Amino acid sequence: MGADGQHVAAEISATEAIERVAGNDWMLDVREQYEWDRGHAPDAHLIPMSMLEQRIAEIPEDVPLIVVCQSGYRSWTVTKALVAAGYDAVNVTGGMDAWQSAGGVVVLDGAPA
């Protein structure tokens, strides 16, 4: 928690996220389906921010979570909520834009983009 008692969303760089996902951290992509369809990390799990409350049971509670969106704002909001709910979650600073710029693999229709 921050000094004001609010839950704080920890952030990591895209480079660190790439390493952590390779080490089997669970990647949660909170973008909408149409964004996912334009390219996503191969090991990510899509649960759009708009569906999070209905699908929260799909998120594992016993592994570290890497949360990503397109630019990092929605995932920061989701990360903050997950941390408040007791999950071990971190936000990817810069989102998928940073992921791709850092050399992270992006797949489109099952093939690297």
PDB file of N, CA and C in Angstrom:
ATOM      1  N   MET A   1       0.832  -1.184   0.000  1.00  0.00           N
ATOM      2  CA  MET A   1       0.000   0.000   0.000  1.00  0.00           C
ATOM      3  C   MET A   1       0.869   1.237   0.000  1.00  0.00           C
ATOM      4  N   GLY A   2       0.345   2.276  -0.592  1.00  0.00           N
ATOM      5  CA  GLY A   2       1.045   3.546  -0.598  1.00  0.00           C
ATOM      6  C   GLY A   2       0.910   4.240   0.743  1.00  0.00           C
ATOM      7  N   ALA A   3       1.585   5.349   0.891  1.00  0.00           N
ATOM      8  CA  ALA A   3       1.579   6.102   2.140  1.00  0.00           C
ATOM      9  C   ALA A   3       0.172   6.561   2.520  1.00  0.00           C
ATOM     10  N   ASP A   4      -0.704   6.739   1.542  1.00  0.00           N
ATOM     11  CA  ASP A   4      -2.061   7.202   1.822  1.00  0.00           C
ATOM     12  C   ASP A   4      -3.041   6.055   2.076  1.00  0.00           C
ATOM     13  N   GLY A   5      -2.517   4.827   2.184  1.00  0.00           N
ATOM     14  CA  GLY A   5      -3.358   3.670   2.454  1.00  0.00           C
ATOM     15  C   GLY A   5      -4.003   3.063   1.220  1.00  0.00           C
ATOM     16  N   GLN A   6      -3.741   3.621   0.063  1.00  0.00           N
ATOM     17  CA  GLN A   6      -4.304   3.103  -1.187  1.00  0.00           C
ATOM     18  C   GLN A   6      -3.411   1.982  -1.725  1.00  0.00           C
ATOM     19  N   HIS A   7      -4.036   1.034  -2.395  1.00  0.00           N
ATOM     20  CA  HIS A   7      -3.252  -0.025  -3.036  1.00  0.00           C
ATOM     21  C   HIS A   7      -2.512   0.552  -4.231  1.00  0.00           C
ATOM     22  N   VAL A   8      -1.270   0.131  -4.393  1.00  0.00           N
ATOM     23  CA  VAL A   8      -0.417   0.638  -5.456  1.00  0.00           C
ATOM     24  C   VAL A   8      -0.182  -0.481  -6.464  1.00  0.00           C
ATOM     25  N   ALA A   9      -0.243  -0.139  -7.730  1.00  0.00           N
ATOM     26  CA  ALA A   9       0.030  -1.112  -8.786  1.00  0.00           C
ATOM     27  C   ALA A   9       1.520  -1.078  -9.089  1.00  0.00           C
ATOM     28  N   ALA A  10       2.203  -2.183  -8.808  1.00  0.00           N
ATOM     29  CA  ALA A  10       3.619  -2.280  -9.153  1.00  0.00           C
ATOM     30  C   ALA A  10       3.745  -2.338 -10.660  1.00  0.00           C
ATOM     31  N   GLU A  11       4.812  -1.770 -11.183  1.00  0.00           N
ATOM     32  CA  GLU A  11       5.034  -1.768 -12.626  1.00  0.00           C
ATOM     33  C   GLU A  11       6.393  -2.362 -12.949  1.00  0.00           C
ATOM     34  N   ILE A  12       6.451  -3.029 -14.093  1.00  0.00           N
ATOM     35  CA  ILE A  12       7.701  -3.572 -14.590  1.00  0.00           C
ATOM     36  C   ILE A  12       7.862  -3.155 -16.042  1.00  0.00           C
ATOM     37  N   SER A  13       9.089  -3.187 -16.519  1.00  0.00           N
ATOM     38  CA  SER A  13       9.357  -2.855 -17.919  1.00  0.00           C
ATOM     39  C   SER A  13       8.914  -4.005 -18.812  1.00  0.00           C
ATOM     40  N   ALA A  14       8.740  -3.707 -20.077  1.00  0.00           N
ATOM     41  CA  ALA A  14       8.396  -4.749 -21.042  1.00  0.00           C
ATOM     42  C   ALA A  14       9.491  -5.807 -21.114  1.00  0.00           C
ATOM     43  N   THR A  15      10.746  -5.385 -21.010  1.00  0.00           N
ATOM     44  CA  THR A  15      11.857  -6.334 -21.045  1.00  0.00           C
ATOM     45  C   THR A  15      11.753  -7.318 -19.891  1.00  0.00           C
ATOM     46  N   GLU A  16      11.462  -6.805 -18.689  1.00  0.00           N
ATOM     47  CA  GLU A  16      11.301  -7.693 -17.533  1.00  0.00           C
ATOM     48  C   GLU A  16      10.072  -8.581 -17.708  1.00  0.00           C
ATOM     49  N   ALA A  17       9.003  -8.040 -18.280  1.00  0.00           N
ATOM     50  CA  ALA A  17       7.797  -8.837 -18.511  1.00  0.00           C
ATOM     51  C   ALA A  17       8.089 -10.001 -19.453  1.00  0.00           C
ATOM     52  N   ILE A  18       8.844  -9.739 -20.506  1.00  0.00           N
ATOM     53  CA  ILE A  18       9.210 -10.795 -21.457  1.00  0.00           C
ATOM     54  C   ILE A  18       9.952 -11.912 -20.722  1.00  0.00           C
ATOM     55  N   GLU A  19      10.894 -11.538 -19.861  1.00  0.00           N
ATOM     56  CA  GLU A  19      11.665 -12.526 -19.091  1.00  0.00           C
ATOM     57  C   GLU A  19      10.767 -13.296 -18.129  1.00  0.00           C
ATOM     58  N   ARG A  20       9.870 -12.594 -17.446  1.00  0.00           N
ATOM     59  CA  ARG A  20       9.019 -13.242 -16.452  1.00  0.00           C
ATOM     60  C   ARG A  20       7.996 -14.166 -17.093  1.00  0.00           C
ATOM     61  N   VAL A  21       7.455 -13.788 -18.249  1.00  0.00           N
ATOM     62  CA  VAL A  21       6.512 -14.670 -18.944  1.00  0.00           C
ATOM     63  C   VAL A  21       7.241 -15.925 -19.421  1.00  0.00           C
ATOM     64  N   ALA A  22       8.487 -15.768 -19.878  1.00  0.00           N
ATOM     65  CA  ALA A  22       9.296 -16.931 -20.273  1.00  0.00           C
ATOM     66  C   ALA A  22       9.552 -17.836 -19.073  1.00  0.00           C
ATOM     67  N   GLY A  23       9.544 -17.260 -17.875  1.00  0.00           N
ATOM     68  CA  GLY A  23       9.728 -18.032 -16.646  1.00  0.00           C
ATOM     69  C   GLY A  23       8.423 -18.534 -16.062  1.00  0.00           C
ATOM     70  N   ASN A  24       7.367 -18.488 -16.839  1.00  0.00           N
ATOM     71  CA  ASN A  24       6.064 -19.057 -16.492  1.00  0.00           C
ATOM     72  C   ASN A  24       5.161 -18.196 -15.613  1.00  0.00           C
ATOM     73  N   ASP A  25       5.413 -16.879 -15.517  1.00  0.00           N
ATOM     74  CA  ASP A  25       4.414 -16.007 -14.905  1.00  0.00           C
ATOM     75  C   ASP A  25       3.209 -15.999 -15.849  1.00  0.00           C
ATOM     76  N   TRP A  26       2.029 -15.755 -15.330  1.00  0.00           N
ATOM     77  CA  TRP A  26       0.777 -15.811 -16.084  1.00  0.00           C
ATOM     78  C   TRP A  26       0.476 -14.432 -16.641  1.00  0.00           C
ATOM     79  N   MET A  27       0.383 -14.301 -17.951  1.00  0.00           N
ATOM     80  CA  MET A  27       0.150 -13.008 -18.582  1.00  0.00           C
ATOM     81  C   MET A  27      -1.329 -12.810 -18.863  1.00  0.00           C
ATOM     82  N   LEU A  28      -1.866 -11.733 -18.303  1.00  0.00           N
ATOM     83  CA  LEU A  28      -3.266 -11.372 -18.479  1.00  0.00           C
ATOM     84  C   LEU A  28      -3.354 -10.152 -19.385  1.00  0.00           C
ATOM     85  N   ASP A  29      -3.999 -10.313 -20.530  1.00  0.00           N
ATOM     86  CA  ASP A  29      -4.208  -9.225 -21.481  1.00  0.00           C
ATOM     87  C   ASP A  29      -5.628  -8.715 -21.269  1.00  0.00           C
ATOM     88  N   VAL A  30      -5.770  -7.437 -20.907  1.00  0.00           N
ATOM     89  CA  VAL A  30      -7.085  -6.893 -20.569  1.00  0.00           C
ATOM     90  C   VAL A  30      -7.672  -6.025 -21.684  1.00  0.00           C
ATOM     91  N   ARG A  31      -7.101  -6.130 -22.886  1.00  0.00           N
ATOM     92  CA  ARG A  31      -7.641  -5.375 -24.016  1.00  0.00           C
ATOM     93  C   ARG A  31      -8.938  -6.016 -24.503  1.00  0.00           C
ATOM     94  N   GLU A  32      -9.591  -5.359 -25.416  1.00  0.00           N
ATOM     95  CA  GLU A  32     -10.812  -5.897 -26.020  1.00  0.00           C
ATOM     96  C   GLU A  32     -10.440  -6.888 -27.129  1.00  0.00           C
ATOM     97  N   GLN A  33     -11.408  -7.710 -27.509  1.00  0.00           N
ATOM     98  CA  GLN A  33     -11.175  -8.759 -28.507  1.00  0.00           C
ATOM     99  C   GLN A  33     -10.594  -8.199 -29.803  1.00  0.00           C
ATOM    100  N   TYR A  34     -11.107  -7.083 -30.289  1.00  0.00           N
ATOM    101  CA  TYR A  34     -10.612  -6.535 -31.567  1.00  0.00           C
ATOM    102  C   TYR A  34      -9.148  -6.119 -31.464  1.00  0.00           C
ATOM    103  N   GLU A  35      -8.700  -5.689 -30.281  1.00  0.00           N
ATOM    104  CA  GLU A  35      -7.287  -5.341 -30.100  1.00  0.00           C
ATOM    105  C   GLU A  35      -6.435  -6.605 -30.064  1.00  0.00           C
ATOM    106  N   TRP A  36      -6.901  -7.603 -29.356  1.00  0.00           N
ATOM    107  CA  TRP A  36      -6.236  -8.905 -29.285  1.00  0.00           C
ATOM    108  C   TRP A  36      -6.057  -9.490 -30.686  1.00  0.00           C
ATOM    109  N   ASP A  37      -7.114  -9.377 -31.497  1.00  0.00           N
ATOM    110  CA  ASP A  37      -7.081  -9.929 -32.850  1.00  0.00           C
ATOM    111  C   ASP A  37      -6.015  -9.265 -33.721  1.00  0.00           C
ATOM    112  N   ARG A  38      -5.617  -8.051 -33.405  1.00  0.00           N
ATOM    113  CA  ARG A  38      -4.588  -7.336 -34.167  1.00  0.00           C
ATOM    114  C   ARG A  38      -3.180  -7.735 -33.745  1.00  0.00           C
ATOM    115  N   GLY A  39      -3.057  -8.570 -32.728  1.00  0.00           N
ATOM    116  CA  GLY A  39      -1.755  -9.067 -32.291  1.00  0.00           C
ATOM    117  C   GLY A  39      -1.660  -9.117 -30.777  1.00  0.00           C
ATOM    118  N   HIS A  40      -1.116 -10.226 -30.277  1.00  0.00           N
ATOM    119  CA  HIS A  40      -0.998 -10.427 -28.831  1.00  0.00           C
ATOM    120  C   HIS A  40       0.218 -11.294 -28.521  1.00  0.00           C
ATOM    121  N   ALA A  41       0.618 -11.284 -27.278  1.00  0.00           N
ATOM    122  CA  ALA A  41       1.725 -12.143 -26.845  1.00  0.00           C
ATOM    123  C   ALA A  41       1.264 -13.602 -26.916  1.00  0.00           C
ATOM    124  N   PRO A  42       2.132 -14.508 -27.346  1.00  0.00           N
ATOM    125  CA  PRO A  42       1.710 -15.894 -27.571  1.00  0.00           C
ATOM    126  C   PRO A  42       1.218 -16.613 -26.322  1.00  0.00           C
ATOM    127  N   ASP A  43       1.715 -16.260 -25.151  1.00  0.00           N
ATOM    128  CA  ASP A  43       1.322 -16.964 -23.928  1.00  0.00           C
ATOM    129  C   ASP A  43       0.302 -16.197 -23.099  1.00  0.00           C
ATOM    130  N   ALA A  44      -0.250 -15.129 -23.648  1.00  0.00           N
ATOM    131  CA  ALA A  44      -1.204 -14.310 -22.907  1.00  0.00           C
ATOM    132  C   ALA A  44      -2.582 -14.964 -22.850  1.00  0.00           C
ATOM    133  N   HIS A  45      -3.350 -14.546 -21.854  1.00  0.00           N
ATOM    134  CA  HIS A  45      -4.727 -14.988 -21.663  1.00  0.00           C
ATOM    135  C   HIS A  45      -5.603 -13.746 -21.743  1.00  0.00           C
ATOM    136  N   LEU A  46      -6.572 -13.757 -22.630  1.00  0.00           N
ATOM    137  CA  LEU A  46      -7.433 -12.593 -22.837  1.00  0.00           C
ATOM    138  C   LEU A  46      -8.632 -12.618 -21.898  1.00  0.00           C
ATOM    139  N   ILE A  47      -8.694 -11.610 -21.046  1.00  0.00           N
ATOM    140  CA  ILE A  47      -9.899 -11.325 -20.261  1.00  0.00           C
ATOM    141  C   ILE A  47     -10.041  -9.806 -20.316  1.00  0.00           C
ATOM    142  N   PRO A  48     -10.890  -9.308 -21.222  1.00  0.00           N
ATOM    143  CA  PRO A  48     -11.019  -7.860 -21.351  1.00  0.00           C
ATOM    144  C   PRO A  48     -11.396  -7.193 -20.026  1.00  0.00           C
ATOM    145  N   MET A  49     -10.880  -5.997 -19.823  1.00  0.00           N
ATOM    146  CA  MET A  49     -11.190  -5.240 -18.612  1.00  0.00           C
ATOM    147  C   MET A  49     -12.703  -5.174 -18.391  1.00  0.00           C
ATOM    148  N   SER A  50     -13.464  -5.044 -19.472  1.00  0.00           N
ATOM    149  CA  SER A  50     -14.918  -4.944 -19.374  1.00  0.00           C
ATOM    150  C   SER A  50     -15.571  -6.235 -18.878  1.00  0.00           C
ATOM    151  N   MET A  51     -14.831  -7.349 -18.908  1.00  0.00           N
ATOM    152  CA  MET A  51     -15.366  -8.647 -18.486  1.00  0.00           C
ATOM    153  C   MET A  51     -14.712  -9.178 -17.209  1.00  0.00           C
ATOM    154  N   LEU A  52     -13.826  -8.402 -16.630  1.00  0.00           N
ATOM    155  CA  LEU A  52     -13.019  -8.885 -15.514  1.00  0.00           C
ATOM    156  C   LEU A  52     -13.867  -9.394 -14.348  1.00  0.00           C
ATOM    157  N   GLU A  53     -14.849  -8.635 -13.951  1.00  0.00           N
ATOM    158  CA  GLU A  53     -15.662  -9.032 -12.802  1.00  0.00           C
ATOM    159  C   GLU A  53     -16.359 -10.370 -13.046  1.00  0.00           C
ATOM    160  N   GLN A  54     -16.889 -10.566 -14.243  1.00  0.00           N
ATOM    161  CA  GLN A  54     -17.594 -11.814 -14.561  1.00  0.00           C
ATOM    162  C   GLN A  54     -16.640 -12.999 -14.711  1.00  0.00           C
ATOM    163  N   ARG A  55     -15.383 -12.745 -15.063  1.00  0.00           N
ATOM    164  CA  ARG A  55     -14.450 -13.831 -15.374  1.00  0.00           C
ATOM    165  C   ARG A  55     -13.287 -13.951 -14.380  1.00  0.00           C
ATOM    166  N   ILE A  56     -13.397 -13.296 -13.236  1.00  0.00           N
ATOM    167  CA  ILE A  56     -12.298 -13.276 -12.257  1.00  0.00           C
ATOM    168  C   ILE A  56     -11.878 -14.689 -11.835  1.00  0.00           C
ATOM    169  N   ALA A  57     -12.798 -15.634 -11.822  1.00  0.00           N
ATOM    170  CA  ALA A  57     -12.475 -17.007 -11.402  1.00  0.00           C
ATOM    171  C   ALA A  57     -11.484 -17.681 -12.349  1.00  0.00           C
ATOM    172  N   GLU A  58     -11.319 -17.159 -13.567  1.00  0.00           N
ATOM    173  CA  GLU A  58     -10.383 -17.737 -14.532  1.00  0.00           C
ATOM    174  C   GLU A  58      -8.935 -17.341 -14.245  1.00  0.00           C
ATOM    175  N   ILE A  59      -8.735 -16.379 -13.368  1.00  0.00           N
ATOM    176  CA  ILE A  59      -7.395 -15.884 -13.084  1.00  0.00           C
ATOM    177  C   ILE A  59      -6.817 -16.679 -11.917  1.00  0.00           C
ATOM    178  N   PRO A  60      -5.666 -17.316 -12.114  1.00  0.00           N
ATOM    179  CA  PRO A  60      -5.085 -18.112 -11.022  1.00  0.00           C
ATOM    180  C   PRO A  60      -4.636 -17.226  -9.867  1.00  0.00           C
ATOM    181  N   GLU A  61      -4.836 -17.734  -8.670  1.00  0.00           N
ATOM    182  CA  GLU A  61      -4.477 -16.978  -7.469  1.00  0.00           C
ATOM    183  C   GLU A  61      -3.099 -17.358  -6.935  1.00  0.00           C
ATOM    184  N   ASP A  62      -2.501 -18.412  -7.480  1.00  0.00           N
ATOM    185  CA  ASP A  62      -1.275 -18.957  -6.900  1.00  0.00           C
ATOM    186  C   ASP A  62      -0.026 -18.739  -7.749  1.00  0.00           C
ATOM    187  N   VAL A  63      -0.107 -17.884  -8.772  1.00  0.00           N
ATOM    188  CA  VAL A  63       1.065 -17.584  -9.597  1.00  0.00           C
ATOM    189  C   VAL A  63       1.155 -16.077  -9.802  1.00  0.00           C
ATOM    190  N   PRO A  64       2.366 -15.568 -10.022  1.00  0.00           N
ATOM    191  CA  PRO A  64       2.501 -14.141 -10.316  1.00  0.00           C
ATOM    192  C   PRO A  64       1.815 -13.795 -11.639  1.00  0.00           C
ATOM    193  N   LEU A  65       1.168 -12.646 -11.654  1.00  0.00           N
ATOM    194  CA  LEU A  65       0.443 -12.186 -12.834  1.00  0.00           C
ATOM    195  C   LEU A  65       1.152 -11.001 -13.464  1.00  0.00           C
ATOM    196  N   ILE A  66       1.255 -11.026 -14.780  1.00  0.00           N
ATOM    197  CA  ILE A  66       1.771  -9.918 -15.579  1.00  0.00           C
ATOM    198  C   ILE A  66       0.564  -9.375 -16.326  1.00  0.00           C
ATOM    199  N   VAL A  67       0.187  -8.121 -16.081  1.00  0.00           N
ATOM    200  CA  VAL A  67      -1.026  -7.557 -16.675  1.00  0.00           C
ATOM    201  C   VAL A  67      -0.644  -6.546 -17.745  1.00  0.00           C
ATOM    202  N   VAL A  68      -1.283  -6.667 -18.920  1.00  0.00           N
ATOM    203  CA  VAL A  68      -0.937  -5.816 -20.058  1.00  0.00           C
ATOM    204  C   VAL A  68      -2.196  -5.349 -20.778  1.00  0.00           C
ATOM    205  N   CYS A  69      -2.110  -4.152 -21.354  1.00  0.00           N
ATOM    206  CA  CYS A  69      -3.129  -3.646 -22.277  1.00  0.00           C
ATOM    207  C   CYS A  69      -2.366  -3.052 -23.462  1.00  0.00           C
ATOM    208  N   GLN A  70      -2.916  -2.096 -24.159  1.00  0.00           N
ATOM    209  CA  GLN A  70      -2.200  -1.543 -25.303  1.00  0.00           C
ATOM    210  C   GLN A  70      -1.100  -0.576 -24.889  1.00  0.00           C
ATOM    211  N   SER A  71      -1.428   0.350 -23.981  1.00  0.00           N
ATOM    212  CA  SER A  71      -0.445   1.374 -23.603  1.00  0.00           C
ATOM    213  C   SER A  71      -0.061   1.365 -22.132  1.00  0.00           C
ATOM    214  N   GLY A  72      -0.779   0.632 -21.306  1.00  0.00           N
ATOM    215  CA  GLY A  72      -0.434   0.517 -19.894  1.00  0.00           C
ATOM    216  C   GLY A  72      -1.414   1.128 -18.914  1.00  0.00           C
ATOM    217  N   TYR A  73      -2.397   1.900 -19.384  1.00  0.00           N
ATOM    218  CA  TYR A  73      -3.306   2.548 -18.437  1.00  0.00           C
ATOM    219  C   TYR A  73      -4.390   1.593 -17.928  1.00  0.00           C
ATOM    220  N   ARG A  74      -5.085   0.905 -18.828  1.00  0.00           N
ATOM    221  CA  ARG A  74      -6.119  -0.034 -18.376  1.00  0.00           C
ATOM    222  C   ARG A  74      -5.516  -1.136 -17.528  1.00  0.00           C
ATOM    223  N   SER A  75      -4.355  -1.630 -17.945  1.00  0.00           N
ATOM    224  CA  SER A  75      -3.722  -2.706 -17.174  1.00  0.00           C
ATOM    225  C   SER A  75      -3.279  -2.212 -15.801  1.00  0.00           C
ATOM    226  N   TRP A  76      -2.892  -0.949 -15.688  1.00  0.00           N
ATOM    227  CA  TRP A  76      -2.534  -0.380 -14.385  1.00  0.00           C
ATOM    228  C   TRP A  76      -3.755  -0.382 -13.475  1.00  0.00           C
ATOM    229  N   THR A  77      -4.908   0.005 -14.032  1.00  0.00           N
ATOM    230  CA  THR A  77      -6.154   0.021 -13.260  1.00  0.00           C
ATOM    231  C   THR A  77      -6.523  -1.387 -12.805  1.00  0.00           C
ATOM    232  N   VAL A  78      -6.425  -2.355 -13.707  1.00  0.00           N
ATOM    233  CA  VAL A  78      -6.738  -3.742 -13.373  1.00  0.00           C
ATOM    234  C   VAL A  78      -5.738  -4.284 -12.355  1.00  0.00           C
ATOM    235  N   THR A  79      -4.463  -3.988 -12.541  1.00  0.00           N
ATOM    236  CA  THR A  79      -3.440  -4.458 -11.602  1.00  0.00           C
ATOM    237  C   THR A  79      -3.735  -3.950 -10.201  1.00  0.00           C
ATOM    238  N   LYS A  80      -4.077  -2.687 -10.093  1.00  0.00           N
ATOM    239  CA  LYS A  80      -4.399  -2.100  -8.788  1.00  0.00           C
ATOM    240  C   LYS A  80      -5.562  -2.853  -8.135  1.00  0.00           C
ATOM    241  N   ALA A  81      -6.587  -3.166  -8.904  1.00  0.00           N
ATOM    242  CA  ALA A  81      -7.743  -3.907  -8.376  1.00  0.00           C
ATOM    243  C   ALA A  81      -7.359  -5.332  -7.982  1.00  0.00           C
ATOM    244  N   LEU A  82      -6.530  -5.985  -8.786  1.00  0.00           N
ATOM    245  CA  LEU A  82      -6.102  -7.345  -8.463  1.00  0.00           C
ATOM    246  C   LEU A  82      -5.260  -7.380  -7.188  1.00  0.00           C
ATOM    247  N   VAL A  83      -4.357  -6.426  -7.046  1.00  0.00           N
ATOM    248  CA  VAL A  83      -3.527  -6.344  -5.830  1.00  0.00           C
ATOM    249  C   VAL A  83      -4.431  -6.143  -4.612  1.00  0.00           C
ATOM    250  N   ALA A  84      -5.422  -5.277  -4.730  1.00  0.00           N
ATOM    251  CA  ALA A  84      -6.361  -5.030  -3.634  1.00  0.00           C
ATOM    252  C   ALA A  84      -7.124  -6.300  -3.264  1.00  0.00           C
ATOM    253  N   ALA A  85      -7.337  -7.180  -4.258  1.00  0.00           N
ATOM    254  CA  ALA A  85      -8.048  -8.438  -4.033  1.00  0.00           C
ATOM    255  C   ALA A  85      -7.116  -9.564  -3.581  1.00  0.00           C
ATOM    256  N   GLY A  86      -5.823  -9.264  -3.414  1.00  0.00           N
ATOM    257  CA  GLY A  86      -4.884 -10.254  -2.895  1.00  0.00           C
ATOM    258  C   GLY A  86      -4.039 -10.983  -3.922  1.00  0.00           C
ATOM    259  N   TYR A  87      -4.136 -10.614  -5.185  1.00  0.00           N
ATOM    260  CA  TYR A  87      -3.325 -11.248  -6.228  1.00  0.00           C
ATOM    261  C   TYR A  87      -1.921 -10.647  -6.251  1.00  0.00           C
ATOM    262  N   ASP A  88      -0.960 -11.446  -6.685  1.00  0.00           N
ATOM    263  CA  ASP A  88       0.420 -10.997  -6.913  1.00  0.00           C
ATOM    264  C   ASP A  88       0.490 -10.545  -8.365  1.00  0.00           C
ATOM    265  N   ALA A  89       0.199  -9.255  -8.612  1.00  0.00           N
ATOM    266  CA  ALA A  89       0.086  -8.756  -9.981  1.00  0.00           C
ATOM    267  C   ALA A  89       0.948  -7.523 -10.189  1.00  0.00           C
ATOM    268  N   VAL A  90       1.497  -7.414 -11.397  1.00  0.00           N
ATOM    269  CA  VAL A  90       2.268  -6.233 -11.794  1.00  0.00           C
ATOM    270  C   VAL A  90       1.813  -5.799 -13.177  1.00  0.00           C
ATOM    271  N   ASN A  91       1.930  -4.508 -13.423  1.00  0.00           N
ATOM    272  CA  ASN A  91       1.548  -3.903 -14.689  1.00  0.00           C
ATOM    273  C   ASN A  91       2.770  -3.771 -15.589  1.00  0.00           C
ATOM    274  N   VAL A  92       2.567  -3.972 -16.896  1.00  0.00           N
ATOM    275  CA  VAL A  92       3.631  -3.760 -17.879  1.00  0.00           C
ATOM    276  C   VAL A  92       3.581  -2.294 -18.315  1.00  0.00           C
ATOM    277  N   THR A  93       4.591  -1.538 -17.937  1.00  0.00           N
ATOM    278  CA  THR A  93       4.680  -0.132 -18.322  1.00  0.00           C
ATOM    279  C   THR A  93       4.746  -0.024 -19.841  1.00  0.00           C
ATOM    280  N   GLY A  94       3.859   0.757 -20.412  1.00  0.00           N
ATOM    281  CA  GLY A  94       3.853   0.943 -21.860  1.00  0.00           C
ATOM    282  C   GLY A  94       3.072  -0.099 -22.629  1.00  0.00           C
ATOM    283  N   GLY A  95       2.572  -1.123 -21.955  1.00  0.00           N
ATOM    284  CA  GLY A  95       1.697  -2.112 -22.561  1.00  0.00           C
ATOM    285  C   GLY A  95       2.293  -2.872 -23.730  1.00  0.00           C
ATOM    286  N   MET A  96       1.410  -3.299 -24.626  1.00  0.00           N
ATOM    287  CA  MET A  96       1.836  -4.075 -25.792  1.00  0.00           C
ATOM    288  C   MET A  96       2.700  -3.251 -26.734  1.00  0.00           C
ATOM    289  N   ASP A  97       2.513  -1.940 -26.740  1.00  0.00           N
ATOM    290  CA  ASP A  97       3.395  -1.094 -27.553  1.00  0.00           C
ATOM    291  C   ASP A  97       4.843  -1.284 -27.105  1.00  0.00           C
ATOM    292  N   ALA A  98       5.065  -1.234 -25.784  1.00  0.00           N
ATOM    293  CA  ALA A  98       6.413  -1.407 -25.239  1.00  0.00           C
ATOM    294  C   ALA A  98       6.884  -2.854 -25.399  1.00  0.00           C
ATOM    295  N   TRP A  99       5.971  -3.812 -25.203  1.00  0.00           N
ATOM    296  CA  TRP A  99       6.295  -5.235 -25.369  1.00  0.00           C
ATOM    297  C   TRP A  99       6.894  -5.490 -26.755  1.00  0.00           C
ATOM    298  N   GLN A 100       6.219  -4.988 -27.774  1.00  0.00           N
ATOM    299  CA  GLN A 100       6.688  -5.214 -29.145  1.00  0.00           C
ATOM    300  C   GLN A 100       7.997  -4.459 -29.392  1.00  0.00           C
ATOM    301  N   SER A 101       8.113  -3.236 -28.896  1.00  0.00           N
ATOM    302  CA  SER A 101       9.345  -2.449 -29.067  1.00  0.00           C
ATOM    303  C   SER A 101      10.541  -3.104 -28.388  1.00  0.00           C
ATOM    304  N   ALA A 102      10.272  -3.850 -27.288  1.00  0.00           N
ATOM    305  CA  ALA A 102      11.347  -4.518 -26.553  1.00  0.00           C
ATOM    306  C   ALA A 102      11.707  -5.866 -27.157  1.00  0.00           C
ATOM    307  N   GLY A 103      11.056  -6.223 -28.259  1.00  0.00           N
ATOM    308  CA  GLY A 103      11.377  -7.493 -28.914  1.00  0.00           C
ATOM    309  C   GLY A 103      10.475  -8.645 -28.533  1.00  0.00           C
ATOM    310  N   GLY A 104       9.414  -8.360 -27.783  1.00  0.00           N
ATOM    311  CA  GLY A 104       8.469  -9.415 -27.428  1.00  0.00           C
ATOM    312  C   GLY A 104       7.742  -9.931 -28.654  1.00  0.00           C
ATOM    313  N   VAL A 105       7.530 -11.221 -28.692  1.00  0.00           N
ATOM    314  CA  VAL A 105       6.846 -11.842 -29.814  1.00  0.00           C
ATOM    315  C   VAL A 105       5.375 -11.435 -29.785  1.00  0.00           C
ATOM    316  N   VAL A 106       4.840 -11.140 -30.950  1.00  0.00           N
ATOM    317  CA  VAL A 106       3.425 -10.836 -31.116  1.00  0.00           C
ATOM    318  C   VAL A 106       2.905 -11.790 -32.176  1.00  0.00           C
ATOM    319  N   VAL A 107       1.796 -12.456 -31.858  1.00  0.00           N
ATOM    320  CA  VAL A 107       1.205 -13.385 -32.814  1.00  0.00           C
ATOM    321  C   VAL A 107      -0.111 -12.834 -33.337  1.00  0.00           C
ATOM    322  N   LEU A 108      -0.387 -13.204 -34.562  1.00  0.00           N
ATOM    323  CA  LEU A 108      -1.613 -12.812 -35.242  1.00  0.00           C
ATOM    324  C   LEU A 108      -2.160 -14.068 -35.893  1.00  0.00           C
ATOM    325  N   ASP A 109      -3.371 -14.468 -35.520  1.00  0.00           N
ATOM    326  CA  ASP A 109      -3.963 -15.695 -36.067  1.00  0.00           C
ATOM    327  C   ASP A 109      -3.048 -16.903 -35.878  1.00  0.00           C
ATOM    328  N   GLY A 110      -2.377 -16.954 -34.715  1.00  0.00           N
ATOM    329  CA  GLY A 110      -1.550 -18.101 -34.398  1.00  0.00           C
ATOM    330  C   GLY A 110      -0.157 -18.107 -34.980  1.00  0.00           C
ATOM    331  N   ALA A 111       0.192 -17.079 -35.783  1.00  0.00           N
ATOM    332  CA  ALA A 111       1.523 -17.008 -36.380  1.00  0.00           C
ATOM    333  C   ALA A 111       2.188 -15.710 -35.959  1.00  0.00           C
ATOM    334  N   PRO A 112       3.508 -15.707 -35.774  1.00  0.00           N
ATOM    335  CA  PRO A 112       4.187 -14.461 -35.399  1.00  0.00           C
ATOM    336  C   PRO A 112       3.898 -13.346 -36.408  1.00  0.00           C
ATOM    337  N   ALA A 113       3.648 -12.169 -35.867  1.00  0.00           N
ATOM    338  CA  ALA A 113       3.343 -11.011 -36.732  1.00  0.00           C
ATOM    339  C   ALA A 113       4.615 -10.349 -37.200  1.00  0.00           C
TER     340      ALA A 113
END
